[in-house]
N, C-alpha and C. Protein backbone atom coordinates (compact mmCIF):
# COMPACT_ATOMS: atom_id res chain seq x y z
N MET A 1 15.24 85.68 -23.42
CA MET A 1 15.67 85.57 -24.81
C MET A 1 17.07 86.14 -24.94
N THR A 2 17.90 85.48 -25.73
CA THR A 2 19.28 85.94 -25.90
C THR A 2 19.32 87.20 -26.76
N THR A 3 20.46 87.85 -26.75
CA THR A 3 20.64 89.05 -27.57
C THR A 3 20.49 88.71 -29.05
N GLN A 4 21.06 87.55 -29.45
CA GLN A 4 20.95 87.14 -30.85
C GLN A 4 19.48 86.90 -31.23
N ALA A 5 18.74 86.23 -30.35
CA ALA A 5 17.33 85.96 -30.62
C ALA A 5 16.55 87.27 -30.71
N ASN A 6 16.85 88.21 -29.81
CA ASN A 6 16.19 89.51 -29.85
C ASN A 6 16.47 90.21 -31.17
N SER A 7 17.70 90.12 -31.63
CA SER A 7 18.08 90.75 -32.89
C SER A 7 17.32 90.14 -34.07
N ILE A 8 17.19 88.82 -34.08
CA ILE A 8 16.47 88.14 -35.16
C ILE A 8 14.99 88.53 -35.12
N VAL A 9 14.42 88.54 -33.93
CA VAL A 9 13.01 88.94 -33.78
C VAL A 9 12.81 90.35 -34.31
N ALA A 10 13.73 91.25 -33.98
CA ALA A 10 13.63 92.64 -34.45
C ALA A 10 13.74 92.72 -35.97
N GLN A 11 14.67 91.95 -36.55
CA GLN A 11 14.81 91.95 -38.01
C GLN A 11 13.54 91.44 -38.69
N ILE A 12 12.98 90.38 -38.15
CA ILE A 12 11.76 89.81 -38.73
C ILE A 12 10.59 90.79 -38.58
N ALA A 13 10.52 91.44 -37.44
CA ALA A 13 9.44 92.41 -37.21
C ALA A 13 9.52 93.58 -38.18
N GLN A 14 10.71 93.90 -38.67
CA GLN A 14 10.90 95.01 -39.60
C GLN A 14 10.53 94.66 -41.04
N LEU A 15 10.47 93.38 -41.37
CA LEU A 15 10.23 92.98 -42.76
C LEU A 15 8.98 93.62 -43.38
N PRO A 16 7.84 93.68 -42.69
CA PRO A 16 6.66 94.29 -43.31
C PRO A 16 6.82 95.79 -43.62
N GLN A 17 7.74 96.46 -42.92
CA GLN A 17 7.94 97.90 -43.15
C GLN A 17 8.97 98.19 -44.24
N LEU A 18 9.73 97.18 -44.64
CA LEU A 18 10.77 97.42 -45.65
C LEU A 18 10.17 97.72 -47.01
N PRO A 19 10.80 98.64 -47.75
CA PRO A 19 10.38 98.84 -49.14
C PRO A 19 10.66 97.56 -49.94
N MET A 20 9.91 97.33 -50.99
CA MET A 20 10.07 96.12 -51.80
C MET A 20 11.51 95.98 -52.30
N GLU A 21 12.14 97.09 -52.63
CA GLU A 21 13.52 97.05 -53.11
C GLU A 21 14.44 96.38 -52.08
N ASN A 22 14.27 96.74 -50.81
CA ASN A 22 15.09 96.16 -49.75
C ASN A 22 14.72 94.69 -49.50
N LEU A 23 13.43 94.39 -49.63
CA LEU A 23 12.98 93.01 -49.46
C LEU A 23 13.60 92.12 -50.54
N TRP A 24 13.62 92.64 -51.79
CA TRP A 24 14.23 91.87 -52.89
C TRP A 24 15.73 91.71 -52.67
N ALA A 25 16.37 92.71 -52.10
CA ALA A 25 17.81 92.60 -51.83
C ALA A 25 18.08 91.48 -50.82
N LEU A 26 17.24 91.40 -49.80
CA LEU A 26 17.37 90.30 -48.83
C LEU A 26 17.10 88.96 -49.51
N TRP A 27 16.07 88.93 -50.35
CA TRP A 27 15.75 87.70 -51.07
C TRP A 27 16.96 87.23 -51.87
N ASP A 28 17.55 88.15 -52.60
CA ASP A 28 18.70 87.81 -53.44
C ASP A 28 19.90 87.33 -52.61
N GLU A 29 19.98 87.79 -51.37
CA GLU A 29 21.06 87.36 -50.48
C GLU A 29 20.90 85.88 -50.09
N PHE A 30 19.65 85.44 -49.97
CA PHE A 30 19.39 84.08 -49.51
C PHE A 30 19.08 83.07 -50.61
N PHE A 31 18.56 83.54 -51.73
CA PHE A 31 18.08 82.63 -52.77
C PHE A 31 18.76 82.91 -54.11
N ASP A 32 18.92 81.86 -54.91
CA ASP A 32 19.57 81.99 -56.21
C ASP A 32 18.69 82.64 -57.26
N ARG A 33 17.38 82.43 -57.15
CA ARG A 33 16.49 83.05 -58.14
C ARG A 33 15.21 83.53 -57.47
N ARG A 34 14.57 84.45 -58.12
CA ARG A 34 13.35 85.04 -57.58
C ARG A 34 12.14 84.19 -57.96
N PRO A 35 11.11 84.24 -57.13
CA PRO A 35 9.90 83.48 -57.47
C PRO A 35 9.18 84.12 -58.66
N GLY A 36 8.28 83.38 -59.26
CA GLY A 36 7.55 83.88 -60.42
C GLY A 36 6.42 84.82 -60.06
N HIS A 37 6.27 85.13 -58.80
CA HIS A 37 5.21 86.04 -58.35
C HIS A 37 5.81 87.06 -57.39
N HIS A 38 5.02 88.03 -57.01
CA HIS A 38 5.51 89.09 -56.13
C HIS A 38 4.63 89.21 -54.88
N HIS A 39 4.27 88.08 -54.28
CA HIS A 39 3.45 88.11 -53.08
C HIS A 39 4.32 88.48 -51.88
N ARG A 40 4.09 89.63 -51.36
CA ARG A 40 4.93 90.17 -50.29
C ARG A 40 4.98 89.26 -49.07
N THR A 41 3.82 88.76 -48.64
CA THR A 41 3.80 87.93 -47.43
C THR A 41 4.60 86.64 -47.63
N TYR A 42 4.60 86.10 -48.84
CA TYR A 42 5.40 84.92 -49.13
C TYR A 42 6.89 85.26 -49.00
N LEU A 43 7.29 86.38 -49.60
CA LEU A 43 8.69 86.80 -49.52
C LEU A 43 9.11 87.00 -48.07
N GLU A 44 8.26 87.67 -47.30
CA GLU A 44 8.57 87.93 -45.90
C GLU A 44 8.73 86.63 -45.11
N SER A 45 7.83 85.68 -45.35
CA SER A 45 7.90 84.43 -44.58
C SER A 45 9.16 83.63 -44.92
N ARG A 46 9.51 83.58 -46.19
CA ARG A 46 10.71 82.83 -46.60
C ARG A 46 11.98 83.52 -46.09
N ILE A 47 12.02 84.84 -46.15
CA ILE A 47 13.18 85.58 -45.64
C ILE A 47 13.29 85.41 -44.12
N ALA A 48 12.15 85.47 -43.44
CA ALA A 48 12.15 85.29 -41.98
C ALA A 48 12.72 83.91 -41.62
N TYR A 49 12.33 82.90 -42.37
CA TYR A 49 12.86 81.56 -42.12
C TYR A 49 14.37 81.54 -42.32
N LYS A 50 14.82 82.14 -43.41
CA LYS A 50 16.26 82.13 -43.71
C LYS A 50 17.06 82.91 -42.66
N LEU A 51 16.50 84.00 -42.15
CA LEU A 51 17.17 84.75 -41.09
C LEU A 51 17.35 83.87 -39.84
N GLN A 52 16.29 83.14 -39.50
CA GLN A 52 16.36 82.24 -38.34
C GLN A 52 17.33 81.09 -38.60
N GLU A 53 17.28 80.55 -39.80
CA GLU A 53 18.16 79.44 -40.16
C GLU A 53 19.63 79.86 -40.08
N ARG A 54 19.92 81.06 -40.56
CA ARG A 54 21.30 81.55 -40.52
C ARG A 54 21.76 81.74 -39.07
N ALA A 55 20.87 82.22 -38.22
CA ALA A 55 21.23 82.49 -36.84
C ALA A 55 21.29 81.23 -35.97
N PHE A 56 20.35 80.33 -36.18
CA PHE A 56 20.21 79.19 -35.26
C PHE A 56 20.49 77.83 -35.90
N GLY A 57 20.73 77.80 -37.19
CA GLY A 57 21.00 76.53 -37.87
C GLY A 57 19.75 75.99 -38.54
N SER A 58 19.98 75.07 -39.46
CA SER A 58 18.85 74.51 -40.21
C SER A 58 18.29 73.29 -39.51
N LEU A 59 17.20 72.79 -40.04
CA LEU A 59 16.59 71.58 -39.50
C LEU A 59 17.50 70.38 -39.73
N PRO A 60 17.46 69.41 -38.85
CA PRO A 60 18.22 68.18 -39.10
C PRO A 60 17.74 67.54 -40.41
N ALA A 61 18.65 66.90 -41.13
CA ALA A 61 18.34 66.35 -42.45
C ALA A 61 17.17 65.37 -42.41
N ALA A 62 17.11 64.52 -41.40
CA ALA A 62 16.03 63.53 -41.31
C ALA A 62 14.68 64.21 -41.15
N LEU A 63 14.62 65.25 -40.33
CA LEU A 63 13.37 65.98 -40.14
C LEU A 63 12.99 66.72 -41.41
N ARG A 64 13.96 67.30 -42.08
CA ARG A 64 13.69 68.02 -43.33
C ARG A 64 13.11 67.06 -44.38
N ARG A 65 13.70 65.86 -44.50
CA ARG A 65 13.19 64.86 -45.46
C ARG A 65 11.76 64.46 -45.11
N ARG A 66 11.50 64.28 -43.81
CA ARG A 66 10.16 63.89 -43.38
C ARG A 66 9.14 64.98 -43.71
N LEU A 67 9.49 66.22 -43.46
CA LEU A 67 8.60 67.33 -43.77
C LEU A 67 8.38 67.47 -45.27
N GLU A 68 9.44 67.25 -46.05
CA GLU A 68 9.30 67.30 -47.51
C GLU A 68 8.35 66.22 -48.00
N LYS A 69 8.44 65.04 -47.41
CA LYS A 69 7.54 63.95 -47.80
C LYS A 69 6.10 64.29 -47.46
N ILE A 70 5.88 64.88 -46.30
CA ILE A 70 4.54 65.31 -45.92
C ILE A 70 4.03 66.35 -46.90
N GLY A 71 4.91 67.29 -47.30
CA GLY A 71 4.52 68.31 -48.27
C GLY A 71 4.17 67.73 -49.62
N GLU A 72 4.89 66.70 -50.04
CA GLU A 72 4.63 66.07 -51.34
C GLU A 72 3.34 65.26 -51.34
N THR A 73 3.11 64.49 -50.28
CA THR A 73 1.96 63.60 -50.24
C THR A 73 0.74 64.23 -49.60
N GLY A 74 0.96 65.21 -48.75
CA GLY A 74 -0.15 65.81 -48.03
C GLY A 74 -0.64 64.95 -46.87
N GLU A 75 0.06 63.85 -46.61
CA GLU A 75 -0.35 62.94 -45.55
C GLU A 75 0.67 62.96 -44.41
N VAL A 76 0.16 63.12 -43.20
CA VAL A 76 1.01 63.07 -42.03
C VAL A 76 1.06 61.61 -41.57
N PRO A 77 2.25 61.04 -41.45
CA PRO A 77 2.34 59.65 -41.03
C PRO A 77 1.70 59.44 -39.66
N ASN A 78 1.06 58.30 -39.50
CA ASN A 78 0.43 57.97 -38.23
C ASN A 78 1.50 57.76 -37.17
N GLN A 79 1.44 58.54 -36.13
CA GLN A 79 2.41 58.41 -35.05
C GLN A 79 1.92 57.37 -34.06
N LYS A 80 2.72 56.35 -33.84
CA LYS A 80 2.37 55.34 -32.85
C LYS A 80 2.96 55.74 -31.51
N ARG A 81 2.34 55.26 -30.49
CA ARG A 81 2.85 55.52 -29.16
C ARG A 81 4.22 54.89 -29.01
N ARG A 82 5.04 55.49 -28.18
CA ARG A 82 6.42 55.03 -27.98
C ARG A 82 6.47 53.55 -27.60
N SER A 83 5.61 53.10 -26.72
CA SER A 83 5.65 51.71 -26.29
C SER A 83 5.41 50.76 -27.45
N GLU A 84 4.59 51.15 -28.41
CA GLU A 84 4.33 50.31 -29.57
C GLU A 84 5.53 50.33 -30.52
N ASN A 85 6.23 51.45 -30.60
CA ASN A 85 7.39 51.56 -31.49
C ASN A 85 8.54 50.67 -31.03
N LEU A 86 8.59 50.34 -29.76
CA LEU A 86 9.69 49.56 -29.22
C LEU A 86 9.55 48.07 -29.50
N LEU A 87 8.41 47.64 -29.99
CA LEU A 87 8.17 46.22 -30.21
C LEU A 87 8.71 45.80 -31.57
N ALA A 88 9.59 44.81 -31.56
CA ALA A 88 10.18 44.32 -32.80
C ALA A 88 9.18 43.42 -33.52
N PRO A 89 9.20 43.44 -34.86
CA PRO A 89 8.34 42.52 -35.61
C PRO A 89 8.60 41.08 -35.17
N GLY A 90 7.52 40.33 -35.04
CA GLY A 90 7.63 38.95 -34.60
C GLY A 90 7.41 38.77 -33.11
N THR A 91 7.44 39.88 -32.36
CA THR A 91 7.20 39.80 -30.92
C THR A 91 5.78 39.27 -30.68
N VAL A 92 5.66 38.33 -29.76
CA VAL A 92 4.35 37.79 -29.41
C VAL A 92 4.04 38.19 -27.97
N MET A 93 2.90 38.85 -27.79
CA MET A 93 2.45 39.23 -26.46
C MET A 93 1.32 38.30 -26.06
N VAL A 94 1.37 37.83 -24.83
CA VAL A 94 0.36 36.91 -24.34
C VAL A 94 -0.39 37.60 -23.20
N ARG A 95 -1.72 37.54 -23.26
CA ARG A 95 -2.53 38.19 -22.23
C ARG A 95 -3.71 37.29 -21.91
N GLU A 96 -3.90 37.04 -20.64
CA GLU A 96 -5.09 36.30 -20.21
C GLU A 96 -6.16 37.30 -19.84
N TYR A 97 -7.38 37.02 -20.30
CA TYR A 97 -8.49 37.92 -20.01
C TYR A 97 -9.77 37.08 -19.94
N ASN A 98 -10.48 37.18 -18.84
CA ASN A 98 -11.72 36.43 -18.62
C ASN A 98 -11.54 34.94 -18.87
N GLY A 99 -10.44 34.39 -18.40
CA GLY A 99 -10.20 32.96 -18.50
C GLY A 99 -9.69 32.48 -19.85
N LEU A 100 -9.53 33.37 -20.81
CA LEU A 100 -9.02 33.00 -22.13
C LEU A 100 -7.62 33.58 -22.32
N THR A 101 -6.79 32.87 -23.09
CA THR A 101 -5.44 33.34 -23.38
C THR A 101 -5.41 33.88 -24.81
N TYR A 102 -4.91 35.11 -24.94
CA TYR A 102 -4.82 35.77 -26.25
C TYR A 102 -3.35 35.96 -26.61
N ARG A 103 -3.02 35.67 -27.87
CA ARG A 103 -1.66 35.86 -28.38
C ARG A 103 -1.72 36.89 -29.51
N VAL A 104 -0.94 37.94 -29.35
CA VAL A 104 -0.90 39.02 -30.34
C VAL A 104 0.52 39.11 -30.88
N THR A 105 0.65 39.13 -32.20
CA THR A 105 1.95 39.17 -32.86
C THR A 105 2.16 40.53 -33.50
N VAL A 106 3.36 41.09 -33.34
CA VAL A 106 3.71 42.35 -34.00
C VAL A 106 4.13 42.02 -35.43
N LEU A 107 3.48 42.65 -36.41
CA LEU A 107 3.77 42.40 -37.82
C LEU A 107 4.88 43.31 -38.33
N ASP A 108 5.45 42.95 -39.48
CA ASP A 108 6.54 43.72 -40.07
C ASP A 108 6.16 45.17 -40.37
N ASP A 109 4.89 45.40 -40.71
CA ASP A 109 4.46 46.75 -41.09
C ASP A 109 4.01 47.59 -39.89
N GLY A 110 4.22 47.06 -38.66
CA GLY A 110 3.88 47.81 -37.46
C GLY A 110 2.48 47.54 -36.95
N ARG A 111 1.70 46.77 -37.70
CA ARG A 111 0.37 46.42 -37.23
C ARG A 111 0.47 45.22 -36.28
N PHE A 112 -0.67 44.79 -35.75
CA PHE A 112 -0.72 43.71 -34.79
C PHE A 112 -1.72 42.67 -35.26
N GLU A 113 -1.43 41.39 -35.00
CA GLU A 113 -2.31 40.32 -35.46
C GLU A 113 -2.85 39.54 -34.27
N LEU A 114 -4.16 39.36 -34.26
CA LEU A 114 -4.84 38.56 -33.25
C LEU A 114 -5.74 37.58 -33.98
N ASP A 115 -5.56 36.30 -33.75
CA ASP A 115 -6.38 35.26 -34.39
C ASP A 115 -6.43 35.41 -35.90
N GLY A 116 -5.29 35.74 -36.51
CA GLY A 116 -5.20 35.85 -37.96
C GLY A 116 -5.73 37.14 -38.54
N ARG A 117 -6.20 38.04 -37.69
CA ARG A 117 -6.76 39.31 -38.17
C ARG A 117 -5.83 40.46 -37.80
N PRO A 118 -5.49 41.33 -38.78
CA PRO A 118 -4.60 42.45 -38.48
C PRO A 118 -5.35 43.64 -37.86
N TYR A 119 -4.67 44.34 -36.97
CA TYR A 119 -5.20 45.54 -36.32
C TYR A 119 -4.16 46.64 -36.43
N LYS A 120 -4.63 47.87 -36.55
CA LYS A 120 -3.71 49.01 -36.70
C LYS A 120 -3.00 49.39 -35.41
N SER A 121 -3.61 49.09 -34.28
CA SER A 121 -3.01 49.51 -33.00
C SER A 121 -3.29 48.48 -31.92
N LEU A 122 -2.51 48.56 -30.86
CA LEU A 122 -2.76 47.69 -29.71
C LEU A 122 -4.09 48.03 -29.05
N SER A 123 -4.47 49.27 -29.11
CA SER A 123 -5.76 49.66 -28.54
C SER A 123 -6.91 49.01 -29.29
N ALA A 124 -6.77 48.88 -30.61
CA ALA A 124 -7.79 48.19 -31.40
C ALA A 124 -7.85 46.71 -31.01
N VAL A 125 -6.70 46.11 -30.74
CA VAL A 125 -6.66 44.71 -30.29
C VAL A 125 -7.35 44.60 -28.93
N ALA A 126 -7.00 45.49 -28.00
CA ALA A 126 -7.60 45.47 -26.67
C ALA A 126 -9.12 45.64 -26.76
N ARG A 127 -9.58 46.48 -27.67
CA ARG A 127 -11.01 46.70 -27.86
C ARG A 127 -11.68 45.42 -28.37
N ALA A 128 -10.99 44.72 -29.30
CA ALA A 128 -11.54 43.47 -29.84
C ALA A 128 -11.64 42.41 -28.74
N ILE A 129 -10.69 42.40 -27.83
CA ILE A 129 -10.69 41.40 -26.75
C ILE A 129 -11.72 41.74 -25.68
N THR A 130 -11.74 43.00 -25.25
CA THR A 130 -12.57 43.39 -24.10
C THR A 130 -13.97 43.85 -24.48
N GLY A 131 -14.12 44.29 -25.73
CA GLY A 131 -15.42 44.82 -26.14
C GLY A 131 -15.63 46.25 -25.70
N SER A 132 -14.60 46.86 -25.12
CA SER A 132 -14.72 48.26 -24.71
C SER A 132 -13.43 49.00 -25.02
N THR A 133 -13.50 50.31 -24.94
CA THR A 133 -12.33 51.13 -25.22
C THR A 133 -11.31 50.95 -24.10
N TYR A 134 -10.11 50.65 -24.49
CA TYR A 134 -9.05 50.39 -23.51
C TYR A 134 -7.72 50.78 -24.14
N SER A 135 -6.80 51.28 -23.34
CA SER A 135 -5.46 51.58 -23.83
C SER A 135 -4.73 50.27 -24.07
N GLY A 136 -4.34 50.03 -25.31
CA GLY A 136 -3.63 48.80 -25.65
C GLY A 136 -2.33 48.63 -24.88
N PRO A 137 -1.45 49.66 -24.86
CA PRO A 137 -0.20 49.53 -24.11
C PRO A 137 -0.43 49.23 -22.62
N VAL A 138 -1.48 49.79 -22.03
CA VAL A 138 -1.80 49.50 -20.63
C VAL A 138 -2.33 48.08 -20.51
N PHE A 139 -3.24 47.69 -21.40
CA PHE A 139 -3.85 46.36 -21.38
C PHE A 139 -2.79 45.26 -21.46
N PHE A 140 -1.77 45.48 -22.29
CA PHE A 140 -0.72 44.47 -22.47
C PHE A 140 0.47 44.67 -21.53
N GLY A 141 0.37 45.60 -20.59
CA GLY A 141 1.41 45.78 -19.59
C GLY A 141 2.66 46.49 -20.08
N LEU A 142 2.55 47.19 -21.22
CA LEU A 142 3.70 47.93 -21.74
C LEU A 142 3.85 49.29 -21.08
N LYS A 143 2.78 49.73 -20.45
CA LYS A 143 2.75 51.06 -19.86
C LYS A 143 1.86 50.98 -18.61
N PRO A 144 2.25 51.65 -17.54
CA PRO A 144 1.40 51.61 -16.35
C PRO A 144 0.11 52.41 -16.56
N SER A 145 -0.93 51.99 -15.88
CA SER A 145 -2.19 52.72 -15.97
C SER A 145 -2.05 54.04 -15.21
N HIS A 146 -2.99 54.93 -15.45
CA HIS A 146 -3.00 56.21 -14.75
C HIS A 146 -3.06 55.97 -13.24
N ARG A 147 -3.89 55.03 -12.84
CA ARG A 147 -4.04 54.70 -11.42
C ARG A 147 -2.73 54.18 -10.83
N ASP A 148 -2.04 53.30 -11.58
CA ASP A 148 -0.75 52.78 -11.10
C ASP A 148 0.29 53.89 -10.97
N ARG A 149 0.27 54.83 -11.92
CA ARG A 149 1.22 55.96 -11.85
C ARG A 149 0.94 56.80 -10.62
N GLN A 150 -0.34 57.01 -10.31
CA GLN A 150 -0.69 57.80 -9.13
C GLN A 150 -0.26 57.09 -7.85
N ARG A 151 -0.44 55.79 -7.81
CA ARG A 151 -0.02 55.02 -6.63
C ARG A 151 1.49 55.10 -6.43
N GLY A 152 2.23 55.07 -7.53
CA GLY A 152 3.69 55.14 -7.46
C GLY A 152 4.18 56.47 -6.94
N GLN A 153 3.38 57.53 -7.13
CA GLN A 153 3.78 58.87 -6.69
C GLN A 153 3.36 59.14 -5.26
N ALA A 154 2.42 58.33 -4.75
CA ALA A 154 1.89 58.58 -3.40
C ALA A 154 2.84 58.12 -2.33
């Protein structure tokens, strides 16, 4: 840990021992107005964040907006696997399985369509085709299987 990081850790560790008067002085240094309550742990956590932010910088704007949206809605966006994120809307994947040819289209909203039916993930499409649980990105050749990765390392 760097000297600066050690210093910040020490400052944060001292917050619970500070008299309220000193805690409020730190609050006033970082914030324009005081909260409508006097919950010490809340004050300590917000001041600790500001100490770190001052020392190491704030969150990138895009990440901050994303976190604010999560805070407002209470919903964490569904994270798709990287291989699925790389597929442009309109992309058609073709896969032969058990003598049949399947065509899957990437939709504008990130879902996938097979035979006119939308699916939330490639794995759901692979399950519909095979009848068993299967990694969609592996099934469609977007990602090597665990076995293939092991062979490549041998």
